[in-house]
């Protein structure tokens, strides 16, 4: 009987050890999952920021192109005698705005996926 009692105690101790080990594994996996989700959130925020910057730059560029289009239409509508240096300077200024808008536009490399 004493041998059976000792065997039961050893079995209970083994079950308790396995349970503690499984609980420790669960806690470690939870910590790792929280850390992974935090990194994913940081990457998501960075991508959102980059998209917002690109959207803003693209909107500014679109407005510059629209202004350029209107100035060209006015320039073309004028007779040859009416085309003066002011109109030409305005077109040159709008051209520079568009070129600088393209230069400020963020490259697409900022949106490349990063490996998880």
Protein backbone atom coordinates (compact mmCIF):
# COMPACT_ATOMS: atom_id res chain seq x y z
CA UNK A 1 0.00 0.00 0.00
CA UNK A 2 2.86 2.33 0.84
CA UNK A 3 4.35 1.64 -2.59
CA UNK A 4 1.06 2.51 -4.26
CA UNK A 5 0.81 5.71 -2.25
CA UNK A 6 4.36 6.73 -3.25
CA UNK A 7 3.60 5.96 -6.91
CA UNK A 8 0.47 8.13 -6.76
CA UNK A 9 2.47 10.97 -5.23
CA UNK A 10 5.07 10.70 -7.96
CA UNK A 11 2.35 10.69 -10.63
CA UNK A 12 0.67 13.71 -9.05
CA UNK A 13 4.02 15.51 -8.92
CA UNK A 14 4.64 14.70 -12.59
CA UNK A 15 1.20 16.01 -13.56
CA UNK A 16 1.81 19.15 -11.51
CA UNK A 17 5.21 19.66 -13.14
CA UNK A 18 3.73 19.28 -16.63
CA UNK A 19 0.91 21.69 -15.73
CA UNK A 20 3.37 24.30 -14.46
CA UNK A 21 5.48 23.87 -17.60
CA UNK A 22 2.41 24.31 -19.83
CA UNK A 23 1.36 27.40 -17.87
CA UNK A 24 4.85 28.87 -18.30
CA UNK A 25 4.68 28.19 -22.04
CA UNK A 26 1.31 29.94 -22.22
CA UNK A 27 2.69 32.98 -20.41
CA UNK A 28 5.75 33.17 -22.66
CA UNK A 29 3.60 32.83 -25.79
CA UNK A 30 1.29 35.59 -24.53
CA UNK A 31 4.24 37.94 -23.97
CA UNK A 32 5.59 37.15 -27.44
CA UNK A 33 2.17 37.68 -29.02
CA UNK A 34 1.75 41.06 -27.32
CA UNK A 35 5.23 42.12 -28.45
CA UNK A 36 4.52 40.97 -32.02
CA UNK A 37 1.20 42.83 -32.12
CA UNK A 38 2.90 45.96 -30.80
CA UNK A 39 5.48 45.78 -33.58
CA UNK A 40 2.72 45.28 -36.14
CA UNK A 41 0.90 48.34 -34.80
CA UNK A 42 4.08 50.41 -35.06
CA UNK A 43 4.54 49.31 -38.67
CA UNK A 44 0.89 50.08 -39.41
CA UNK A 45 1.25 53.60 -38.00
CA UNK A 46 4.42 54.17 -40.05
CA UNK A 47 2.65 53.02 -43.22
CA UNK A 48 -0.35 55.24 -42.43
CA UNK A 49 1.95 58.23 -41.90
CA UNK A 50 3.78 57.55 -45.17
CA UNK A 51 0.49 57.25 -47.05
CA UNK A 52 -0.76 60.50 -45.55
CA UNK A 53 2.44 62.29 -46.60
CA UNK A 54 2.17 60.88 -50.12
CA UNK A 55 -1.49 61.86 -50.33
CA UNK A 56 -0.72 65.40 -49.24
CA UNK A 57 2.15 65.72 -51.71
CA UNK A 58 0.01 64.30 -54.49
CA UNK A 59 -2.82 66.73 -53.71
CA UNK A 60 -0.41 69.68 -53.85
CA UNK A 61 0.98 68.39 -57.11
CA UNK A 62 -2.51 67.97 -58.55
CA UNK A 63 -3.39 71.56 -57.64
CA UNK A 64 -0.19 72.81 -59.28
CA UNK A 65 -1.01 70.89 -62.45
CA UNK A 66 -4.55 72.29 -62.51
CA UNK A 67 -3.19 75.83 -62.12
CA UNK A 68 -0.70 75.18 -64.90
CA UNK A 69 -3.46 73.86 -67.16
CA UNK A 70 -5.57 76.98 -66.57
CA UNK A 71 -2.61 79.27 -67.24
CA UNK A 72 -1.80 77.42 -70.48
CA UNK A 73 -5.41 77.69 -71.58
CA UNK A 74 -5.35 81.44 -70.95
CA UNK A 75 -2.01 81.77 -72.70
CA UNK A 76 -3.24 79.89 -75.77
CA UNK A 77 -6.49 81.85 -75.84
CA UNK A 78 -4.62 85.15 -76.05
CA UNK A 79 -3.70 86.47 -79.44
CA UNK A 80 -0.04 86.53 -80.38
CA UNK A 81 0.11 90.26 -79.72
CA UNK A 82 -1.30 89.82 -76.21
CA UNK A 83 1.25 87.24 -75.13
CA UNK A 84 3.61 89.13 -72.94
CA UNK A 85 6.46 88.46 -70.60
CA UNK A 86 4.15 88.36 -67.54
CA UNK A 87 2.18 85.44 -68.92
CA UNK A 88 5.39 83.64 -69.84
CA UNK A 89 6.80 84.24 -66.34
CA UNK A 90 3.59 82.88 -64.82
CA UNK A 91 3.91 79.70 -66.88
CA UNK A 92 7.54 79.36 -65.89
CA UNK A 93 6.64 79.81 -62.22
CA UNK A 94 3.91 77.16 -62.44
CA UNK A 95 6.30 74.81 -64.22
CA UNK A 96 8.80 75.21 -61.37
CA UNK A 97 6.05 74.52 -58.81
CA UNK A 98 5.14 71.28 -60.57
CA UNK A 99 8.75 70.16 -60.88
CA UNK A 100 9.42 70.93 -57.23
CA UNK A 101 6.21 69.09 -56.33
CA UNK A 102 7.51 66.00 -58.10
CA UNK A 103 10.84 66.40 -56.34
CA UNK A 104 9.14 66.59 -52.92
CA UNK A 105 6.87 63.64 -53.66
CA UNK A 106 8.07 60.74 -51.47
CA UNK A 107 9.52 57.77 -53.34
CA UNK A 108 7.51 54.57 -53.33
CA UNK A 109 10.27 52.78 -51.43
CA UNK A 110 8.82 54.18 -48.18
CA UNK A 111 5.80 51.93 -48.64
CA UNK A 112 7.59 48.68 -49.34
CA UNK A 113 6.58 45.87 -47.09
CA UNK A 114 8.93 45.03 -44.30
CA UNK A 115 9.26 41.37 -43.34
CA UNK A 116 7.52 40.48 -40.11
